[in-house]
């Protein structure tokens, strides 16, 4: 009898269908904003013209505060490419008279409805079809308003690699802005350094890149031999974008 039962069990096992484990979809990345600028900032965002979903509900941060958002990269079209920046000196009624002196992008406090004005940028490429993504960089191509750093969270850096390493720098670059490119606040303090030509090397790009080699200073900065301006991180849960002070 025991031999019969063993034979039956063996026969059943031979015809058993083994169900493969269900693949778990990768979680959307998150971006945490940290405000160390010494002032209130309104987070602005713009997306590439490639179907990336425009973001709403972006945070307003007092100095010392932080907030985290989730990138909608798993929704159609399975990518998100865009940028973040700090809107400064914002006043007025949201939806009506709301306006920012730096990084202005429309009358809404929690989203952008127009193209952004020149400001420091944290740029990202989250693409589910790109095995090397996400890509990220700090850009002062249009202007420098606040120092920005980007750090990957839970990223794995292979030995001898720059993958998942930080970009940007915490240093205030306004003191090195060519005088003809500098705009000041009403009280005379430096406010914004604007690039006169984003597509060529200029005294602006030379001054900024010499102090912060891990940020774009002009549009083709990434073509220069040995540049350090863009990074990718295949395995990370998200990123921390920190806005640093200028005074």
Protein backbone atom coordinates (compact mmCIF):
# COMPACT_ATOMS: atom_id res chain seq x y z
CA UNK A 1 0.00 0.00 0.00
CA UNK A 2 2.79 2.39 0.90
CA UNK A 3 4.48 1.72 -2.45
CA UNK A 4 1.18 2.41 -4.25
CA UNK A 5 0.71 5.77 -2.52
CA UNK A 6 4.27 6.79 -3.30
CA UNK A 7 3.72 5.94 -6.96
CA UNK A 8 0.50 7.98 -7.06
CA UNK A 9 2.17 10.99 -5.43
CA UNK A 10 5.08 10.75 -7.87
CA UNK A 11 2.69 10.64 -10.84
CA UNK A 12 0.75 13.68 -9.58
CA UNK A 13 3.97 15.61 -9.04
CA UNK A 14 5.05 14.85 -12.60
CA UNK A 15 1.94 16.55 -14.00
CA UNK A 16 1.78 19.41 -11.49
CA UNK A 17 1.92 22.88 -13.01
CA UNK A 18 4.39 25.11 -11.25
CA UNK A 19 3.17 28.72 -11.24
CA UNK A 20 6.08 31.14 -11.67
CA UNK A 21 6.32 33.95 -9.13
CA UNK A 22 4.47 37.09 -10.13
CA UNK A 23 6.86 39.88 -11.03
CA UNK A 24 6.52 42.90 -8.80
CA UNK A 25 6.39 46.20 -10.65
CA UNK A 26 9.13 48.61 -9.68
CA UNK A 27 7.92 51.35 -7.39
CA UNK A 28 7.86 54.91 -8.65
CA UNK A 29 10.83 56.96 -7.47
CA UNK A 30 10.37 59.78 -5.00
CA UNK A 31 12.05 63.17 -4.80
CA UNK A 32 12.51 64.86 -1.42
CA UNK A 33 13.04 68.62 -1.35
CA UNK A 34 15.02 70.10 1.53
CA UNK A 35 14.99 73.86 2.08
CA UNK A 36 18.16 75.18 3.67
CA UNK A 37 18.10 78.44 1.74
CA UNK A 38 17.23 80.63 4.72
CA UNK A 39 13.99 81.81 3.12
CA UNK A 40 10.58 80.51 2.04
CA UNK A 41 10.52 78.79 -1.34
CA UNK A 42 7.71 77.54 -3.55
CA UNK A 43 8.72 74.43 -5.52
CA UNK A 44 8.21 74.87 -9.26
CA UNK A 45 8.37 72.23 -11.96
CA UNK A 46 8.34 72.01 -15.76
CA UNK A 47 8.24 68.90 -17.97
CA UNK A 48 9.69 68.02 -21.35
CA UNK A 49 7.40 68.12 -24.39
CA UNK A 50 7.35 64.32 -24.63
CA UNK A 51 4.10 63.44 -22.89
CA UNK A 52 5.55 63.71 -19.37
CA UNK A 53 2.79 64.53 -16.90
CA UNK A 54 2.81 68.03 -15.43
CA UNK A 55 2.91 67.97 -11.64
CA UNK A 56 0.45 69.61 -9.26
CA UNK A 57 0.31 69.86 -5.49
CA UNK A 58 3.93 70.97 -5.24
CA UNK A 59 4.98 72.09 -1.75
CA UNK A 60 5.76 75.44 -0.21
CA UNK A 61 8.67 75.10 2.22
CA UNK A 62 9.70 77.35 5.05
CA UNK A 63 13.40 77.38 5.84
CA UNK A 64 14.37 74.04 7.41
CA UNK A 65 11.34 72.17 6.08
CA UNK A 66 11.28 69.25 3.65
CA UNK A 67 8.63 67.47 1.58
CA UNK A 68 8.51 64.40 -0.65
CA UNK A 69 6.66 63.83 -3.92
CA UNK A 70 6.25 60.70 -6.06
CA UNK A 71 7.23 60.78 -9.72
CA UNK A 72 4.43 59.40 -11.99
CA UNK A 73 6.85 57.42 -14.16
CA UNK A 74 4.83 54.18 -14.23
CA UNK A 75 1.78 55.86 -15.76
CA UNK A 76 1.55 56.36 -19.51
CA UNK A 77 3.88 57.07 -21.30
CA UNK A 78 6.07 55.20 -18.76
CA UNK A 79 8.53 58.01 -18.33
CA UNK A 80 8.86 61.40 -16.68
CA UNK A 81 11.40 63.98 -17.76
CA UNK A 82 11.48 67.41 -16.23
CA UNK A 83 12.99 69.85 -13.79
CA UNK A 84 12.47 71.45 -10.39
CA UNK A 85 13.41 74.89 -9.11
CA UNK A 86 12.84 77.25 -6.20
CA UNK A 87 10.38 80.10 -6.70
CA UNK A 88 11.33 83.01 -4.45
CA UNK A 89 9.73 86.18 -3.10
CA UNK A 90 6.20 85.13 -4.07
CA UNK A 91 3.22 87.31 -3.20
CA UNK A 92 -0.42 87.69 -4.16
CA UNK A 93 -3.53 85.51 -4.25
CA UNK A 94 -3.04 82.02 -5.75
CA UNK A 95 -5.02 81.65 -8.95
CA UNK A 96 -5.20 85.39 -9.42
CA UNK A 97 -2.39 87.79 -8.54
CA UNK A 98 0.19 85.27 -7.32
CA UNK A 99 3.63 86.20 -8.68
CA UNK A 100 7.25 85.35 -7.84
CA UNK A 101 10.28 87.57 -8.24
CA UNK A 102 12.53 84.59 -9.05
CA UNK A 103 11.39 81.45 -10.92
CA UNK A 104 7.97 82.84 -11.74
CA UNK A 105 5.83 80.32 -13.69
CA UNK A 106 2.22 81.40 -13.43
CA UNK A 107 -0.41 82.42 -10.87
CA UNK A 108 -0.77 79.07 -9.05
CA UNK A 109 1.19 78.44 -5.84
CA UNK A 110 1.35 74.63 -6.18
CA UNK A 111 2.03 74.23 -9.90
CA UNK A 112 3.41 75.93 -12.98
CA UNK A 113 1.16 77.06 -15.80
CA UNK A 114 3.68 78.98 -17.89
CA UNK A 115 7.33 78.53 -18.81
CA UNK A 116 9.69 79.20 -15.93
CA UNK A 117 11.82 82.29 -15.64
CA UNK A 118 15.62 81.82 -15.28
CA UNK A 119 16.64 79.99 -12.09
CA UNK A 120 18.84 77.15 -10.82
CA UNK A 121 17.43 73.77 -11.91
CA UNK A 122 17.42 70.17 -10.68
CA UNK A 123 16.80 68.05 -13.80
CA UNK A 124 15.72 64.39 -14.03
CA UNK A 125 15.05 61.69 -16.60
CA UNK A 126 12.97 58.81 -15.23
CA UNK A 127 12.40 56.34 -18.09
CA UNK A 128 11.16 52.76 -17.56
CA UNK A 129 12.55 51.78 -20.98
CA UNK A 130 16.08 53.03 -20.22
CA UNK A 131 18.09 50.46 -18.33
CA UNK A 132 20.53 53.10 -17.12
CA UNK A 133 17.90 55.57 -15.85
CA UNK A 134 17.24 57.57 -13.79
CA UNK A 135 19.55 60.33 -15.04
CA UNK A 136 20.00 63.55 -13.08
CA UNK A 137 21.93 66.82 -13.07
CA UNK A 138 22.03 70.33 -11.65
CA UNK A 139 21.78 73.04 -14.30
CA UNK A 140 22.83 76.67 -14.16
CA UNK A 141 22.54 76.87 -17.94
CA UNK A 142 19.88 79.59 -17.80
CA UNK A 143 20.79 81.23 -14.51
CA UNK A 144 22.04 80.78 -10.98
CA UNK A 145 19.62 81.70 -8.20
CA UNK A 146 20.31 79.25 -5.35
CA UNK A 147 22.92 76.51 -4.89
CA UNK A 148 21.43 73.04 -5.50
CA UNK A 149 22.70 69.55 -4.72
CA UNK A 150 21.16 66.23 -5.75
CA UNK A 151 21.91 63.01 -3.87
CA UNK A 152 20.61 59.52 -4.69
CA UNK A 153 18.91 57.59 -1.88
CA UNK A 154 19.80 53.92 -1.42
CA UNK A 155 21.90 54.02 -4.58
CA UNK A 156 24.58 51.42 -5.27
CA UNK A 157 27.92 52.80 -6.49
CA UNK A 158 30.08 50.07 -8.07
CA UNK A 159 33.81 50.23 -7.23
CA UNK A 160 35.59 52.78 -9.37
CA UNK A 161 32.33 54.18 -10.70
CA UNK A 162 30.63 57.58 -10.40
CA UNK A 163 27.16 56.02 -10.64
CA UNK A 164 24.72 57.32 -8.01
CA UNK A 165 27.14 59.99 -6.77
CA UNK A 166 26.05 63.52 -5.92
CA UNK A 167 25.94 66.47 -8.30
CA UNK A 168 25.81 70.22 -7.83
CA UNK A 169 27.47 72.05 -4.97
CA UNK A 170 26.33 73.96 -1.86
CA UNK A 171 28.48 77.02 -2.58
CA UNK A 172 26.98 80.45 -3.24
CA UNK A 173 28.14 81.46 -6.73
CA UNK A 174 26.59 84.94 -6.84
CA UNK A 175 29.83 86.64 -5.67
CA UNK A 176 31.53 85.30 -8.83
CA UNK A 177 28.85 86.46 -11.26
CA UNK A 178 30.09 88.90 -13.95
CA UNK A 179 28.65 92.32 -12.96
CA UNK A 180 26.80 92.71 -16.27
CA UNK A 181 24.90 89.46 -15.62
CA UNK A 182 23.88 90.21 -12.02
CA UNK A 183 20.42 91.32 -10.84
CA UNK A 184 19.95 92.60 -7.29
CA UNK A 185 17.14 92.67 -4.76
CA UNK A 186 15.67 96.06 -3.84
CA UNK A 187 18.03 96.31 -0.87
CA UNK A 188 21.09 95.80 -3.10
CA UNK A 189 21.83 92.17 -2.24
CA UNK A 190 22.69 89.90 -5.20
CA UNK A 191 19.59 88.03 -6.39
CA UNK A 192 20.16 86.31 -9.73
CA UNK A 193 23.00 85.67 -12.17
CA UNK A 194 21.65 85.21 -15.71
CA UNK A 195 23.52 83.46 -18.52
CA UNK A 196 23.82 85.80 -21.55
CA UNK A 197 24.30 82.88 -23.99
CA UNK A 198 23.34 79.37 -22.88
CA UNK A 199 24.82 77.75 -26.02
CA UNK A 200 28.39 79.02 -25.81
CA UNK A 201 31.18 79.38 -23.30
CA UNK A 202 31.10 82.84 -21.76
CA UNK A 203 32.64 84.62 -18.75
CA UNK A 204 29.44 83.52 -16.96
CA UNK A 205 29.98 79.80 -17.66
CA UNK A 206 33.71 80.03 -16.98
CA UNK A 207 33.13 81.66 -13.60
CA UNK A 208 30.47 79.18 -12.47
CA UNK A 209 32.08 76.00 -13.77
CA UNK A 210 35.42 76.84 -12.14
CA UNK A 211 33.67 76.96 -8.75
CA UNK A 212 31.11 74.21 -9.30
CA UNK A 213 32.33 71.63 -11.85
CA UNK A 214 29.45 69.26 -11.01
CA UNK A 215 26.74 71.50 -12.50
CA UNK A 216 25.98 72.50 -16.07
CA UNK A 217 27.13 76.05 -16.82
CA UNK A 218 26.23 76.01 -20.52
CA UNK A 219 24.14 73.76 -22.77
CA UNK A 220 26.96 71.63 -24.19
CA UNK A 221 28.93 71.34 -20.97
CA UNK A 222 28.45 67.55 -21.07
CA UNK A 223 30.49 67.32 -24.29
CA UNK A 224 33.66 68.62 -22.65
CA UNK A 225 36.26 65.92 -21.92
CA UNK A 226 36.30 64.88 -18.27
CA UNK A 227 33.10 66.73 -17.40
CA UNK A 228 31.28 65.77 -14.18
CA UNK A 229 27.87 67.30 -14.79
CA UNK A 230 25.45 64.38 -15.35
CA UNK A 231 25.00 61.10 -13.47
CA UNK A 232 22.75 58.05 -13.57
CA UNK A 233 21.63 55.63 -10.85
CA UNK A 234 20.09 52.32 -11.91
CA UNK A 235 19.25 51.19 -8.39
CA UNK A 236 17.90 53.79 -6.01
CA UNK A 237 14.60 54.58 -4.33
CA UNK A 238 14.74 58.27 -5.15
CA UNK A 239 16.64 61.50 -4.71
CA UNK A 240 17.12 64.38 -2.29
CA UNK A 241 17.23 67.86 -3.79
CA UNK A 242 18.64 70.42 -1.36
CA UNK A 243 18.42 74.18 -1.83
CA UNK A 244 21.30 75.92 -0.05
CA UNK A 245 21.70 79.54 1.11
CA UNK A 246 23.28 82.41 -0.81
CA UNK A 247 24.04 84.52 2.28
